[in-house]
PDB file of N, CA and C in Angstrom:
ATOM      1  N   MET A   1      -3.405  16.111  45.597  1.00  0.00           N
ATOM      2  CA  MET A   1      -2.219  16.917  45.738  1.00  0.00           C
ATOM      3  C   MET A   1      -2.146  17.449  47.169  1.00  0.00           C
ATOM      4  N   THR A   2      -0.992  17.306  47.791  1.00  0.00           N
ATOM      5  CA  THR A   2      -0.771  17.799  49.140  1.00  0.00           C
ATOM      6  C   THR A   2       0.214  18.953  49.080  1.00  0.00           C
ATOM      7  N   CYS A   3      -0.094  20.023  49.776  1.00  0.00           N
ATOM      8  CA  CYS A   3       0.842  21.151  49.812  1.00  0.00           C
ATOM      9  C   CYS A   3       0.917  21.698  51.230  1.00  0.00           C
ATOM     10  N   HIS A   4       2.083  22.251  51.545  1.00  0.00           N
ATOM     11  CA  HIS A   4       2.311  22.829  52.862  1.00  0.00           C
ATOM     12  C   HIS A   4       1.646  24.199  52.937  1.00  0.00           C
ATOM     13  N   ILE A   5       0.945  24.447  54.011  1.00  0.00           N
ATOM     14  CA  ILE A   5       0.330  25.749  54.229  1.00  0.00           C
ATOM     15  C   ILE A   5       0.980  26.380  55.444  1.00  0.00           C
ATOM     16  N   ASN A   6       1.565  27.538  55.255  1.00  0.00           N
ATOM     17  CA  ASN A   6       2.217  28.243  56.352  1.00  0.00           C
ATOM     18  C   ASN A   6       1.145  28.792  57.282  1.00  0.00           C
ATOM     19  N   LYS A   7       1.269  28.514  58.557  1.00  0.00           N
ATOM     20  CA  LYS A   7       0.252  28.924  59.522  1.00  0.00           C
ATOM     21  C   LYS A   7       0.626  30.197  60.274  1.00  0.00           C
ATOM     22  N   VAL A   8       1.694  30.848  59.878  1.00  0.00           N
ATOM     23  CA  VAL A   8       2.079  32.111  60.512  1.00  0.00           C
ATOM     24  C   VAL A   8       1.261  33.219  59.859  1.00  0.00           C
ATOM     25  N   HIS A   9       0.481  33.920  60.658  1.00  0.00           N
ATOM     26  CA  HIS A   9      -0.351  34.980  60.090  1.00  0.00           C
ATOM     27  C   HIS A   9       0.137  36.369  60.469  1.00  0.00           C
ATOM     28  N   HIS A  10       1.113  36.449  61.368  1.00  0.00           N
ATOM     29  CA  HIS A  10       1.703  37.748  61.684  1.00  0.00           C
ATOM     30  C   HIS A  10       3.057  37.536  62.355  1.00  0.00           C
ATOM     31  N   VAL A  11       3.862  38.563  62.296  1.00  0.00           N
ATOM     32  CA  VAL A  11       5.135  38.589  63.019  1.00  0.00           C
ATOM     33  C   VAL A  11       5.230  39.935  63.729  1.00  0.00           C
ATOM     34  N   THR A  12       6.121  39.994  64.716  1.00  0.00           N
ATOM     35  CA  THR A  12       6.327  41.226  65.480  1.00  0.00           C
ATOM     36  C   THR A  12       7.792  41.610  65.365  1.00  0.00           C
ATOM     37  N   ILE A  13       8.052  42.889  65.000  1.00  0.00           N
ATOM     38  CA  ILE A  13       9.443  43.308  64.856  1.00  0.00           C
ATOM     39  C   ILE A  13      10.094  43.503  66.222  1.00  0.00           C
ATOM     40  N   ILE A  14      11.404  43.434  66.230  1.00  0.00           N
ATOM     41  CA  ILE A  14      12.158  43.424  67.489  1.00  0.00           C
ATOM     42  C   ILE A  14      11.936  44.683  68.325  1.00  0.00           C
ATOM     43  N   THR A  15      11.712  45.819  67.695  1.00  0.00           N
ATOM     44  CA  THR A  15      11.474  47.051  68.456  1.00  0.00           C
ATOM     45  C   THR A  15      10.241  46.909  69.346  1.00  0.00           C
ATOM     46  N   LYS A  16       9.176  46.345  68.792  1.00  0.00           N
ATOM     47  CA  LYS A  16       7.944  46.153  69.575  1.00  0.00           C
ATOM     48  C   LYS A  16       8.133  45.065  70.626  1.00  0.00           C
ATOM     49  N   VAL A  17       8.833  43.999  70.272  1.00  0.00           N
ATOM     50  CA  VAL A  17       9.082  42.925  71.248  1.00  0.00           C
ATOM     51  C   VAL A  17       9.853  43.485  72.441  1.00  0.00           C
ATOM     52  N   ALA A  18      10.887  44.287  72.173  1.00  0.00           N
ATOM     53  CA  ALA A  18      11.682  44.877  73.255  1.00  0.00           C
ATOM     54  C   ALA A  18      10.805  45.752  74.147  1.00  0.00           C
ATOM     55  N   THR A  19       9.964  46.565  73.544  1.00  0.00           N
ATOM     56  CA  THR A  19       9.067  47.427  74.312  1.00  0.00           C
ATOM     57  C   THR A  19       8.085  46.590  75.137  1.00  0.00           C
ATOM     58  N   ASP A  20       7.478  45.589  74.503  1.00  0.00           N
ATOM     59  CA  ASP A  20       6.504  44.745  75.207  1.00  0.00           C
ATOM     60  C   ASP A  20       7.119  43.984  76.370  1.00  0.00           C
ATOM     61  N   LEU A  21       8.391  43.571  76.212  1.00  0.00           N
ATOM     62  CA  LEU A  21       9.048  42.796  77.265  1.00  0.00           C
ATOM     63  C   LEU A  21       9.826  43.675  78.250  1.00  0.00           C
ATOM     64  N   GLY A  22       9.855  44.989  78.007  1.00  0.00           N
ATOM     65  CA  GLY A  22      10.569  45.903  78.900  1.00  0.00           C
ATOM     66  C   GLY A  22      12.078  45.703  78.866  1.00  0.00           C
ATOM     67  N   GLN A  23      12.606  45.361  77.692  1.00  0.00           N
ATOM     68  CA  GLN A  23      14.042  45.106  77.549  1.00  0.00           C
ATOM     69  C   GLN A  23      14.676  46.148  76.636  1.00  0.00           C
ATOM     70  N   ASP A  24      15.962  46.365  76.834  1.00  0.00           N
ATOM     71  CA  ASP A  24      16.728  47.239  75.957  1.00  0.00           C
ATOM     72  C   ASP A  24      16.835  46.574  74.583  1.00  0.00           C
ATOM     73  N   GLU A  25      16.520  47.314  73.531  1.00  0.00           N
ATOM     74  CA  GLU A  25      16.498  46.727  72.195  1.00  0.00           C
ATOM     75  C   GLU A  25      17.869  46.223  71.744  1.00  0.00           C
ATOM     76  N   ASP A  26      18.922  46.970  72.013  1.00  0.00           N
ATOM     77  CA  ASP A  26      20.262  46.526  71.606  1.00  0.00           C
ATOM     78  C   ASP A  26      20.659  45.236  72.322  1.00  0.00           C
ATOM     79  N   TRP A  27      20.383  45.161  73.613  1.00  0.00           N
ATOM     80  CA  TRP A  27      20.670  43.939  74.363  1.00  0.00           C
ATOM     81  C   TRP A  27      19.848  42.777  73.821  1.00  0.00           C
ATOM     82  N   LEU A  28      18.575  43.056  73.523  1.00  0.00           N
ATOM     83  CA  LEU A  28      17.699  42.014  73.014  1.00  0.00           C
ATOM     84  C   LEU A  28      18.183  41.501  71.652  1.00  0.00           C
ATOM     85  N   ARG A  29      18.749  42.385  70.832  1.00  0.00           N
ATOM     86  CA  ARG A  29      19.312  41.946  69.552  1.00  0.00           C
ATOM     87  C   ARG A  29      20.414  40.908  69.778  1.00  0.00           C
ATOM     88  N   ASP A  30      21.261  41.149  70.771  1.00  0.00           N
ATOM     89  CA  ASP A  30      22.318  40.184  71.081  1.00  0.00           C
ATOM     90  C   ASP A  30      21.722  38.852  71.536  1.00  0.00           C
ATOM     91  N   VAL A  31      20.725  38.922  72.393  1.00  0.00           N
ATOM     92  CA  VAL A  31      20.074  37.709  72.887  1.00  0.00           C
ATOM     93  C   VAL A  31      19.386  36.977  71.737  1.00  0.00           C
ATOM     94  N   ALA A  32      18.748  37.728  70.851  1.00  0.00           N
ATOM     95  CA  ALA A  32      17.960  37.135  69.765  1.00  0.00           C
ATOM     96  C   ALA A  32      18.818  36.374  68.757  1.00  0.00           C
ATOM     97  N   ASN A  33      20.112  36.596  68.761  1.00  0.00           N
ATOM     98  CA  ASN A  33      20.974  35.855  67.844  1.00  0.00           C
ATOM     99  C   ASN A  33      20.911  34.355  68.096  1.00  0.00           C
ATOM    100  N   GLY A  34      20.482  33.943  69.268  1.00  0.00           N
ATOM    101  CA  GLY A  34      20.379  32.526  69.594  1.00  0.00           C
ATOM    102  C   GLY A  34      19.077  31.877  69.155  1.00  0.00           C
ATOM    103  N   VAL A  35      18.104  32.676  68.766  1.00  0.00           N
ATOM    104  CA  VAL A  35      16.823  32.128  68.320  1.00  0.00           C
ATOM    105  C   VAL A  35      16.958  31.749  66.847  1.00  0.00           C
ATOM    106  N   GLU A  36      16.672  30.506  66.542  1.00  0.00           N
ATOM    107  CA  GLU A  36      16.880  29.964  65.205  1.00  0.00           C
ATOM    108  C   GLU A  36      15.698  30.230  64.274  1.00  0.00           C
ATOM    109  N   VAL A  37      15.991  30.197  62.987  1.00  0.00           N
ATOM    110  CA  VAL A  37      14.950  30.332  61.965  1.00  0.00           C
ATOM    111  C   VAL A  37      13.882  29.251  62.156  1.00  0.00           C
ATOM    112  N   GLU A  38      14.317  28.063  62.536  1.00  0.00           N
ATOM    113  CA  GLU A  38      13.373  26.970  62.762  1.00  0.00           C
ATOM    114  C   GLU A  38      12.390  27.277  63.883  1.00  0.00           C
ATOM    115  N   ASP A  39      12.778  28.195  64.781  1.00  0.00           N
ATOM    116  CA  ASP A  39      11.913  28.594  65.889  1.00  0.00           C
ATOM    117  C   ASP A  39      10.996  29.752  65.505  1.00  0.00           C
ATOM    118  N   GLY A  40      11.161  30.298  64.308  1.00  0.00           N
ATOM    119  CA  GLY A  40      10.283  31.366  63.844  1.00  0.00           C
ATOM    120  C   GLY A  40      10.910  32.739  63.792  1.00  0.00           C
ATOM    121  N   ALA A  41      12.211  32.849  64.084  1.00  0.00           N
ATOM    122  CA  ALA A  41      12.888  34.140  63.944  1.00  0.00           C
ATOM    123  C   ALA A  41      13.136  34.383  62.455  1.00  0.00           C
ATOM    124  N   MET A  42      13.028  35.610  62.013  1.00  0.00           N
ATOM    125  CA  MET A  42      13.224  35.908  60.595  1.00  0.00           C
ATOM    126  C   MET A  42      13.639  37.355  60.391  1.00  0.00           C
ATOM    127  N   TRP A  43      14.020  37.663  59.169  1.00  0.00           N
ATOM    128  CA  TRP A  43      14.377  39.009  58.782  1.00  0.00           C
ATOM    129  C   TRP A  43      13.333  39.478  57.789  1.00  0.00           C
ATOM    130  N   VAL A  44      12.747  40.640  58.041  1.00  0.00           N
ATOM    131  CA  VAL A  44      11.720  41.193  57.175  1.00  0.00           C
ATOM    132  C   VAL A  44      12.320  42.372  56.428  1.00  0.00           C
ATOM    133  N   SER A  45      12.295  42.315  55.122  1.00  0.00           N
ATOM    134  CA  SER A  45      12.836  43.391  54.294  1.00  0.00           C
ATOM    135  C   SER A  45      11.862  44.556  54.251  1.00  0.00           C
ATOM    136  N   ALA A  46      12.424  45.753  54.059  1.00  0.00           N
ATOM    137  CA  ALA A  46      11.606  46.958  53.976  1.00  0.00           C
ATOM    138  C   ALA A  46      12.164  47.866  52.884  1.00  0.00           C
ATOM    139  N   ILE A  47      11.341  48.741  52.372  1.00  0.00           N
ATOM    140  CA  ILE A  47      11.772  49.641  51.305  1.00  0.00           C
ATOM    141  C   ILE A  47      12.689  50.728  51.850  1.00  0.00           C
ATOM    142  N   ASP A  48      12.289  51.372  52.936  1.00  0.00           N
ATOM    143  CA  ASP A  48      13.021  52.509  53.464  1.00  0.00           C
ATOM    144  C   ASP A  48      14.160  52.134  54.398  1.00  0.00           C
ATOM    145  N   GLU A  49      14.194  50.905  54.845  1.00  0.00           N
ATOM    146  CA  GLU A  49      15.165  50.464  55.842  1.00  0.00           C
ATOM    147  C   GLU A  49      15.929  49.263  55.300  1.00  0.00           C
ATOM    148  N   ASP A  50      16.964  48.854  56.031  1.00  0.00           N
ATOM    149  CA  ASP A  50      17.678  47.634  55.677  1.00  0.00           C
ATOM    150  C   ASP A  50      16.841  46.405  55.970  1.00  0.00           C
ATOM    151  N   GLY A  51      15.892  46.534  56.856  1.00  0.00           N
ATOM    152  CA  GLY A  51      15.034  45.436  57.249  1.00  0.00           C
ATOM    153  C   GLY A  51      14.908  45.380  58.753  1.00  0.00           C
ATOM    154  N   PHE A  52      14.138  44.427  59.221  1.00  0.00           N
ATOM    155  CA  PHE A  52      13.863  44.312  60.638  1.00  0.00           C
ATOM    156  C   PHE A  52      13.936  42.854  61.053  1.00  0.00           C
ATOM    157  N   GLN A  53      14.473  42.618  62.228  1.00  0.00           N
ATOM    158  CA  GLN A  53      14.413  41.292  62.808  1.00  0.00           C
ATOM    159  C   GLN A  53      12.990  41.129  63.348  1.00  0.00           C
ATOM    160  N   ALA A  54      12.379  39.991  63.058  1.00  0.00           N
ATOM    161  CA  ALA A  54      10.983  39.787  63.458  1.00  0.00           C
ATOM    162  C   ALA A  54      10.803  38.375  63.996  1.00  0.00           C
ATOM    163  N   PHE A  55       9.716  38.203  64.739  1.00  0.00           N
ATOM    164  CA  PHE A  55       9.481  36.950  65.444  1.00  0.00           C
ATOM    165  C   PHE A  55       8.024  36.539  65.354  1.00  0.00           C
ATOM    166  N   THR A  56       7.812  35.235  65.251  1.00  0.00           N
ATOM    167  CA  THR A  56       6.470  34.682  65.387  1.00  0.00           C
ATOM    168  C   THR A  56       6.147  34.612  66.883  1.00  0.00           C
ATOM    169  N   ASP A  57       4.919  34.293  67.213  1.00  0.00           N
ATOM    170  CA  ASP A  57       4.564  34.141  68.627  1.00  0.00           C
ATOM    171  C   ASP A  57       5.417  33.060  69.284  1.00  0.00           C
ATOM    172  N   PHE A  58       5.644  31.950  68.562  1.00  0.00           N
ATOM    173  CA  PHE A  58       6.457  30.867  69.111  1.00  0.00           C
ATOM    174  C   PHE A  58       7.890  31.331  69.359  1.00  0.00           C
ATOM    175  N   SER A  59       8.471  32.078  68.412  1.00  0.00           N
ATOM    176  CA  SER A  59       9.858  32.515  68.607  1.00  0.00           C
ATOM    177  C   SER A  59       9.972  33.559  69.715  1.00  0.00           C
ATOM    178  N   ILE A  60       8.910  34.307  69.976  1.00  0.00           N
ATOM    179  CA  ILE A  60       8.932  35.237  71.116  1.00  0.00           C
ATOM    180  C   ILE A  60       9.006  34.440  72.412  1.00  0.00           C
ATOM    181  N   GLN A  61       8.295  33.323  72.484  1.00  0.00           N
ATOM    182  CA  GLN A  61       8.379  32.477  73.672  1.00  0.00           C
ATOM    183  C   GLN A  61       9.793  31.917  73.839  1.00  0.00           C
ATOM    184  N   ARG A  62      10.414  31.504  72.744  1.00  0.00           N
ATOM    185  CA  ARG A  62      11.803  31.028  72.796  1.00  0.00           C
ATOM    186  C   ARG A  62      12.716  32.169  73.243  1.00  0.00           C
ATOM    187  N   LEU A  63      12.476  33.369  72.745  1.00  0.00           N
ATOM    188  CA  LEU A  63      13.276  34.533  73.122  1.00  0.00           C
ATOM    189  C   LEU A  63      13.147  34.808  74.614  1.00  0.00           C
ATOM    190  N   ILE A  64      11.967  34.681  75.164  1.00  0.00           N
ATOM    191  CA  ILE A  64      11.761  34.871  76.606  1.00  0.00           C
ATOM    192  C   ILE A  64      12.588  33.856  77.398  1.00  0.00           C
ATOM    193  N   GLU A  65      12.653  32.618  76.909  1.00  0.00           N
ATOM    194  CA  GLU A  65      13.489  31.606  77.565  1.00  0.00           C
ATOM    195  C   GLU A  65      14.965  32.018  77.526  1.00  0.00           C
ATOM    196  N   PHE A  66      15.421  32.541  76.403  1.00  0.00           N
ATOM    197  CA  PHE A  66      16.799  33.018  76.296  1.00  0.00           C
ATOM    198  C   PHE A  66      17.039  34.178  77.257  1.00  0.00           C
ATOM    199  N   ILE A  67      16.097  35.108  77.332  1.00  0.00           N
ATOM    200  CA  ILE A  67      16.229  36.264  78.229  1.00  0.00           C
ATOM    201  C   ILE A  67      16.396  35.781  79.666  1.00  0.00           C
ATOM    202  N   GLN A  68      15.553  34.858  80.084  1.00  0.00           N
ATOM    203  CA  GLN A  68      15.636  34.337  81.449  1.00  0.00           C
ATOM    204  C   GLN A  68      17.001  33.706  81.708  1.00  0.00           C
ATOM    205  N   GLY A  69      17.497  32.966  80.732  1.00  0.00           N
ATOM    206  CA  GLY A  69      18.811  32.344  80.883  1.00  0.00           C
ATOM    207  C   GLY A  69      19.938  33.360  80.982  1.00  0.00           C
ATOM    208  N   TYR A  70      19.888  34.396  80.141  1.00  0.00           N
ATOM    209  CA  TYR A  70      20.948  35.403  80.156  1.00  0.00           C
ATOM    210  C   TYR A  70      20.865  36.320  81.375  1.00  0.00           C
ATOM    211  N   ILE A  71      19.674  36.512  81.905  1.00  0.00           N
ATOM    212  CA  ILE A  71      19.556  37.283  83.145  1.00  0.00           C
ATOM    213  C   ILE A  71      20.159  36.480  84.296  1.00  0.00           C
ATOM    214  N   GLU A  72      19.890  35.184  84.304  1.00  0.00           N
ATOM    215  CA  GLU A  72      20.422  34.324  85.357  1.00  0.00           C
ATOM    216  C   GLU A  72      21.938  34.114  85.212  1.00  0.00           C
ATOM    217  N   TYR A  73      22.407  33.989  83.965  1.00  0.00           N
ATOM    218  CA  TYR A  73      23.826  33.747  83.694  1.00  0.00           C
ATOM    219  C   TYR A  73      24.334  34.733  82.638  1.00  0.00           C
ATOM    220  N   PRO A  74      24.536  36.010  83.024  1.00  0.00           N
ATOM    221  CA  PRO A  74      24.922  37.036  82.046  1.00  0.00           C
ATOM    222  C   PRO A  74      26.249  36.758  81.366  1.00  0.00           C
ATOM    223  N   GLU A  75      27.114  35.965  81.982  1.00  0.00           N
ATOM    224  CA  GLU A  75      28.404  35.670  81.363  1.00  0.00           C
ATOM    225  C   GLU A  75      28.258  34.832  80.095  1.00  0.00           C
ATOM    226  N   LEU A  76      27.096  34.236  79.887  1.00  0.00           N
ATOM    227  CA  LEU A  76      26.875  33.443  78.680  1.00  0.00           C
ATOM    228  C   LEU A  76      26.732  34.317  77.432  1.00  0.00           C
ATOM    229  N   LEU A  77      26.333  35.572  77.633  1.00  0.00           N
ATOM    230  CA  LEU A  77      26.149  36.489  76.517  1.00  0.00           C
ATOM    231  C   LEU A  77      27.445  37.243  76.293  1.00  0.00           C
ATOM    232  N   LYS A  78      28.136  36.883  75.231  1.00  0.00           N
ATOM    233  CA  LYS A  78      29.420  37.524  74.924  1.00  0.00           C
ATOM    234  C   LYS A  78      29.210  38.536  73.812  1.00  0.00           C
ATOM    235  N   ARG A  79      29.682  39.724  74.030  1.00  0.00           N
ATOM    236  CA  ARG A  79      29.553  40.773  73.009  1.00  0.00           C
ATOM    237  C   ARG A  79      30.700  40.709  72.061  1.00  0.00           C
TER     238      ARG A  79
END
């Protein structure tokens, strides 16, 4: 029998990612909309909150690529 084993052992919520990367959290939320579920972006449910946007290590790297692109070409990010 073969079964898929998920190799993600932790995720980081967007508040911590924004702090670690020195970015404004609201701006980062807009940028993060481009990171796909296939890249490791996800929504984590919580009891006291509506939930949190969270990222695997791989999706944080993808997010950094998006940040670099939007810093270079801010007109690409439409609010």
